[in-house]
């Protein structure tokens, strides 16, 4: 398994653990931003990653930015998860999606890599039927983003 996948796993696990912290809903993102470093470091210790700064640094970046952009990410997940509210999606499925949607929206990681990584993480941590659901949501988000890029590209040519 590659270092980036391990980072993505650690990021999803950190967001999962934060779901169960008692944080003030009015200041949720603030509470998550204050809490996540301790959670991330504790999980890294449990995974015996003390000397793996590359893994921890990338996971830290994913978690921090998924929290900062949480509102938009959650809106995308809701929009593309037909007939499912975010609250009804299992915690781990939602957190795998949050990490992947963050990467699709805000990084230059190839979409095929992002989606494949999310599916592999889903196979490891999510229930059996979740991988198909995760794939459907991410494929739909990716298609929307690519269509938007195409339209913007055409507009620039004019």
C-alpha atoms as a PDB file:
ATOM      1  CA  UNK A   1       0.000   0.000   0.000  1.00  0.00           C
ATOM      2  CA  UNK A   2       1.291   3.448  -0.934  1.00  0.00           C
ATOM      3  CA  UNK A   3       2.001   6.227   1.516  1.00  0.00           C
ATOM      4  CA  UNK A   4      -0.714   8.437   0.036  1.00  0.00           C
ATOM      5  CA  UNK A   5      -3.361   5.756   0.564  1.00  0.00           C
ATOM      6  CA  UNK A   6      -2.233   5.328   4.160  1.00  0.00           C
ATOM      7  CA  UNK A   7      -2.593   9.111   4.582  1.00  0.00           C
ATOM      8  CA  UNK A   8      -6.086   9.038   3.096  1.00  0.00           C
ATOM      9  CA  UNK A   9      -7.043   6.165   5.413  1.00  0.00           C
ATOM     10  CA  UNK A  10      -5.696   8.073   8.396  1.00  0.00           C
ATOM     11  CA  UNK A  11      -7.590  11.209   7.312  1.00  0.00           C
ATOM     12  CA  UNK A  12     -10.891   9.322   6.980  1.00  0.00           C
ATOM     13  CA  UNK A  13     -10.327   7.630  10.354  1.00  0.00           C
ATOM     14  CA  UNK A  14      -9.581  10.993  11.980  1.00  0.00           C
ATOM     15  CA  UNK A  15     -12.765  12.543  10.598  1.00  0.00           C
ATOM     16  CA  UNK A  16     -14.645   9.433  11.752  1.00  0.00           C
ATOM     17  CA  UNK A  17     -13.299   9.810  15.297  1.00  0.00           C
ATOM     18  CA  UNK A  18     -14.244  13.503  15.290  1.00  0.00           C
ATOM     19  CA  UNK A  19     -17.843  12.524  14.494  1.00  0.00           C
ATOM     20  CA  UNK A  20     -18.079  11.101  18.002  1.00  0.00           C
ATOM     21  CA  UNK A  21     -16.547  14.042  19.855  1.00  0.00           C
ATOM     22  CA  UNK A  22     -18.998  16.192  21.756  1.00  0.00           C
ATOM     23  CA  UNK A  23     -18.508  19.467  19.931  1.00  0.00           C
ATOM     24  CA  UNK A  24     -20.754  22.519  20.049  1.00  0.00           C
ATOM     25  CA  UNK A  25     -22.814  22.373  16.823  1.00  0.00           C
ATOM     26  CA  UNK A  26     -22.741  26.164  16.583  1.00  0.00           C
ATOM     27  CA  UNK A  27     -18.940  26.101  16.397  1.00  0.00           C
ATOM     28  CA  UNK A  28     -18.487  22.666  14.828  1.00  0.00           C
ATOM     29  CA  UNK A  29     -15.737  23.498  12.337  1.00  0.00           C
ATOM     30  CA  UNK A  30     -13.824  25.472  14.966  1.00  0.00           C
ATOM     31  CA  UNK A  31     -14.088  22.584  17.419  1.00  0.00           C
ATOM     32  CA  UNK A  32     -13.002  20.097  14.768  1.00  0.00           C
ATOM     33  CA  UNK A  33     -10.001  22.229  13.791  1.00  0.00           C
ATOM     34  CA  UNK A  34      -8.934  22.416  17.441  1.00  0.00           C
ATOM     35  CA  UNK A  35      -9.494  18.706  18.107  1.00  0.00           C
ATOM     36  CA  UNK A  36      -8.182  16.978  15.010  1.00  0.00           C
ATOM     37  CA  UNK A  37      -4.397  17.222  15.638  1.00  0.00           C
ATOM     38  CA  UNK A  38      -4.682  15.213  18.872  1.00  0.00           C
ATOM     39  CA  UNK A  39      -6.950  12.637  17.223  1.00  0.00           C
ATOM     40  CA  UNK A  40      -4.677  12.336  14.188  1.00  0.00           C
ATOM     41  CA  UNK A  41      -1.566  11.889  16.329  1.00  0.00           C
ATOM     42  CA  UNK A  42      -3.268   9.310  18.555  1.00  0.00           C
ATOM     43  CA  UNK A  43      -4.390   7.294  15.526  1.00  0.00           C
ATOM     44  CA  UNK A  44      -0.897   7.549  14.030  1.00  0.00           C
ATOM     45  CA  UNK A  45       0.547   6.140  17.274  1.00  0.00           C
ATOM     46  CA  UNK A  46      -1.956   3.284  17.243  1.00  0.00           C
ATOM     47  CA  UNK A  47      -0.948   2.545  13.655  1.00  0.00           C
ATOM     48  CA  UNK A  48       2.716   2.728  14.699  1.00  0.00           C
ATOM     49  CA  UNK A  49       3.423   5.622  12.324  1.00  0.00           C
ATOM     50  CA  UNK A  50       5.589   7.672  14.649  1.00  0.00           C
ATOM     51  CA  UNK A  51       8.406   7.989  12.117  1.00  0.00           C
ATOM     52  CA  UNK A  52       6.249   8.430   9.065  1.00  0.00           C
ATOM     53  CA  UNK A  53       6.135  12.210   8.767  1.00  0.00           C
ATOM     54  CA  UNK A  54       5.176  12.063   5.083  1.00  0.00           C
ATOM     55  CA  UNK A  55       2.037  10.051   5.837  1.00  0.00           C
ATOM     56  CA  UNK A  56       1.057  12.180   8.812  1.00  0.00           C
ATOM     57  CA  UNK A  57       1.721  15.490   7.019  1.00  0.00           C
ATOM     58  CA  UNK A  58      -0.439  14.573   4.023  1.00  0.00           C
ATOM     59  CA  UNK A  59      -3.191  13.219   6.316  1.00  0.00           C
ATOM     60  CA  UNK A  60      -3.018  16.446   8.327  1.00  0.00           C
ATOM     61  CA  UNK A  61      -3.435  18.496   5.141  1.00  0.00           C
ATOM     62  CA  UNK A  62      -6.416  16.389   4.031  1.00  0.00           C
ATOM     63  CA  UNK A  63      -8.185  16.584   7.393  1.00  0.00           C
ATOM     64  CA  UNK A  64      -7.562  20.293   7.933  1.00  0.00           C
ATOM     65  CA  UNK A  65      -8.773  21.230   4.451  1.00  0.00           C
ATOM     66  CA  UNK A  66     -11.742  18.854   4.548  1.00  0.00           C
ATOM     67  CA  UNK A  67     -12.823  20.623   7.747  1.00  0.00           C
ATOM     68  CA  UNK A  68     -12.184  24.131   6.399  1.00  0.00           C
ATOM     69  CA  UNK A  69     -14.192  23.352   3.247  1.00  0.00           C
ATOM     70  CA  UNK A  70     -16.713  21.146   5.042  1.00  0.00           C
ATOM     71  CA  UNK A  71     -19.821  23.130   4.098  1.00  0.00           C
ATOM     72  CA  UNK A  72     -19.163  22.953   0.353  1.00  0.00           C
ATOM     73  CA  UNK A  73     -18.036  19.325   0.549  1.00  0.00           C
ATOM     74  CA  UNK A  74     -21.173  18.270   2.444  1.00  0.00           C
ATOM     75  CA  UNK A  75     -23.344  20.158  -0.068  1.00  0.00           C
ATOM     76  CA  UNK A  76     -21.676  18.297  -2.944  1.00  0.00           C
ATOM     77  CA  UNK A  77     -22.141  14.945  -1.223  1.00  0.00           C
ATOM     78  CA  UNK A  78     -25.819  15.678  -0.563  1.00  0.00           C
ATOM     79  CA  UNK A  79     -26.391  16.878  -4.113  1.00  0.00           C
ATOM     80  CA  UNK A  80     -24.848  13.756  -5.627  1.00  0.00           C
ATOM     81  CA  UNK A  81     -26.131  11.121  -3.184  1.00  0.00           C
ATOM     82  CA  UNK A  82     -29.601  10.753  -4.607  1.00  0.00           C
ATOM     83  CA  UNK A  83     -32.302  10.411  -1.960  1.00  0.00           C
ATOM     84  CA  UNK A  84     -29.790  10.324   0.903  1.00  0.00           C
ATOM     85  CA  UNK A  85     -29.249  13.047   3.448  1.00  0.00           C
ATOM     86  CA  UNK A  86     -25.713  13.337   4.764  1.00  0.00           C
ATOM     87  CA  UNK A  87     -26.953  12.364   8.233  1.00  0.00           C
ATOM     88  CA  UNK A  88     -28.305   9.065   6.907  1.00  0.00           C
ATOM     89  CA  UNK A  89     -24.994   8.054   5.307  1.00  0.00           C
ATOM     90  CA  UNK A  90     -22.891   5.918   7.642  1.00  0.00           C
ATOM     91  CA  UNK A  91     -20.114   7.810   9.397  1.00  0.00           C
ATOM     92  CA  UNK A  92     -17.240   6.016   7.674  1.00  0.00           C
ATOM     93  CA  UNK A  93     -18.832   6.202   4.215  1.00  0.00           C
ATOM     94  CA  UNK A  94     -19.371   9.933   4.685  1.00  0.00           C
ATOM     95  CA  UNK A  95     -15.813  10.505   5.846  1.00  0.00           C
ATOM     96  CA  UNK A  96     -14.296   8.560   2.958  1.00  0.00           C
ATOM     97  CA  UNK A  97     -16.458  10.726   0.691  1.00  0.00           C
ATOM     98  CA  UNK A  98     -15.398  13.936   2.451  1.00  0.00           C
ATOM     99  CA  UNK A  99     -11.708  13.226   1.899  1.00  0.00           C
ATOM    100  CA  UNK A 100     -12.264  12.259  -1.743  1.00  0.00           C
ATOM    101  CA  UNK A 101     -14.589  15.165  -2.557  1.00  0.00           C
ATOM    102  CA  UNK A 102     -12.074  17.558  -0.999  1.00  0.00           C
ATOM    103  CA  UNK A 103      -9.399  16.149  -3.319  1.00  0.00           C
ATOM    104  CA  UNK A 104     -11.663  16.330  -6.369  1.00  0.00           C
ATOM    105  CA  UNK A 105     -12.622  19.945  -5.668  1.00  0.00           C
ATOM    106  CA  UNK A 106      -9.387  21.447  -4.423  1.00  0.00           C
ATOM    107  CA  UNK A 107      -6.360  19.464  -5.603  1.00  0.00           C
ATOM    108  CA  UNK A 108      -4.823  18.524  -8.904  1.00  0.00           C
ATOM    109  CA  UNK A 109      -4.753  14.818  -8.063  1.00  0.00           C
ATOM    110  CA  UNK A 110      -6.157  12.983 -11.101  1.00  0.00           C
ATOM    111  CA  UNK A 111      -9.837  12.148 -10.520  1.00  0.00           C
ATOM    112  CA  UNK A 112      -9.285   8.484 -11.421  1.00  0.00           C
ATOM    113  CA  UNK A 113      -6.682   8.234  -8.640  1.00  0.00           C
ATOM    114  CA  UNK A 114      -8.939   9.964  -6.096  1.00  0.00           C
ATOM    115  CA  UNK A 115     -11.894   7.718  -6.925  1.00  0.00           C
ATOM    116  CA  UNK A 116      -9.829   4.516  -6.959  1.00  0.00           C
ATOM    117  CA  UNK A 117      -8.227   5.360  -3.616  1.00  0.00           C
ATOM    118  CA  UNK A 118     -11.637   6.074  -2.074  1.00  0.00           C
ATOM    119  CA  UNK A 119     -12.983   2.763  -3.358  1.00  0.00           C
ATOM    120  CA  UNK A 120     -10.035   0.831  -1.939  1.00  0.00           C
ATOM    121  CA  UNK A 121     -10.418   2.575   1.421  1.00  0.00           C
ATOM    122  CA  UNK A 122     -14.153   1.876   1.279  1.00  0.00           C
ATOM    123  CA  UNK A 123     -13.463  -1.829   0.720  1.00  0.00           C
ATOM    124  CA  UNK A 124     -11.288  -1.844   3.826  1.00  0.00           C
ATOM    125  CA  UNK A 125     -13.398   0.240   6.230  1.00  0.00           C
ATOM    126  CA  UNK A 126     -16.988   0.406   4.970  1.00  0.00           C
ATOM    127  CA  UNK A 127     -19.828  -2.067   4.751  1.00  0.00           C
ATOM    128  CA  UNK A 128     -20.176  -4.268   1.698  1.00  0.00           C
ATOM    129  CA  UNK A 129     -22.637  -2.196  -0.361  1.00  0.00           C
ATOM    130  CA  UNK A 130     -20.946   1.105   0.419  1.00  0.00           C
ATOM    131  CA  UNK A 131     -18.293   0.901  -2.286  1.00  0.00           C
ATOM    132  CA  UNK A 132     -20.893   1.047  -5.038  1.00  0.00           C
ATOM    133  CA  UNK A 133     -22.538   4.040  -3.348  1.00  0.00           C
ATOM    134  CA  UNK A 134     -19.188   5.821  -2.885  1.00  0.00           C
ATOM    135  CA  UNK A 135     -18.319   5.185  -6.529  1.00  0.00           C
ATOM    136  CA  UNK A 136     -21.661   6.575  -7.703  1.00  0.00           C
ATOM    137  CA  UNK A 137     -21.357   9.760  -5.651  1.00  0.00           C
ATOM    138  CA  UNK A 138     -17.751  10.425  -6.651  1.00  0.00           C
ATOM    139  CA  UNK A 139     -18.391   9.656 -10.317  1.00  0.00           C
ATOM    140  CA  UNK A 140     -21.298  12.108 -10.298  1.00  0.00           C
ATOM    141  CA  UNK A 141     -19.244  14.834  -8.579  1.00  0.00           C
ATOM    142  CA  UNK A 142     -16.398  14.265 -11.039  1.00  0.00           C
ATOM    143  CA  UNK A 143     -18.709  14.495 -14.068  1.00  0.00           C
ATOM    144  CA  UNK A 144     -20.135  17.778 -12.784  1.00  0.00           C
ATOM    145  CA  UNK A 145     -16.661  19.223 -12.251  1.00  0.00           C
ATOM    146  CA  UNK A 146     -15.434  18.114 -15.703  1.00  0.00           C
ATOM    147  CA  UNK A 147     -18.545  19.578 -17.365  1.00  0.00           C
ATOM    148  CA  UNK A 148     -17.954  22.875 -15.550  1.00  0.00           C
ATOM    149  CA  UNK A 149     -14.300  22.892 -16.672  1.00  0.00           C
ATOM    150  CA  UNK A 150     -15.377  22.252 -20.278  1.00  0.00           C
ATOM    151  CA  UNK A 151     -17.861  25.124 -20.196  1.00  0.00           C
ATOM    152  CA  UNK A 152     -15.266  27.454 -18.665  1.00  0.00           C
ATOM    153  CA  UNK A 153     -12.736  26.376 -21.309  1.00  0.00           C
ATOM    154  CA  UNK A 154     -15.176  27.125 -24.125  1.00  0.00           C
ATOM    155  CA  UNK A 155     -16.000  30.512 -22.585  1.00  0.00           C
ATOM    156  CA  UNK A 156     -12.285  31.402 -22.482  1.00  0.00           C
ATOM    157  CA  UNK A 157     -11.942  30.623 -26.194  1.00  0.00           C
ATOM    158  CA  UNK A 158     -14.593  33.195 -27.117  1.00  0.00           C
END
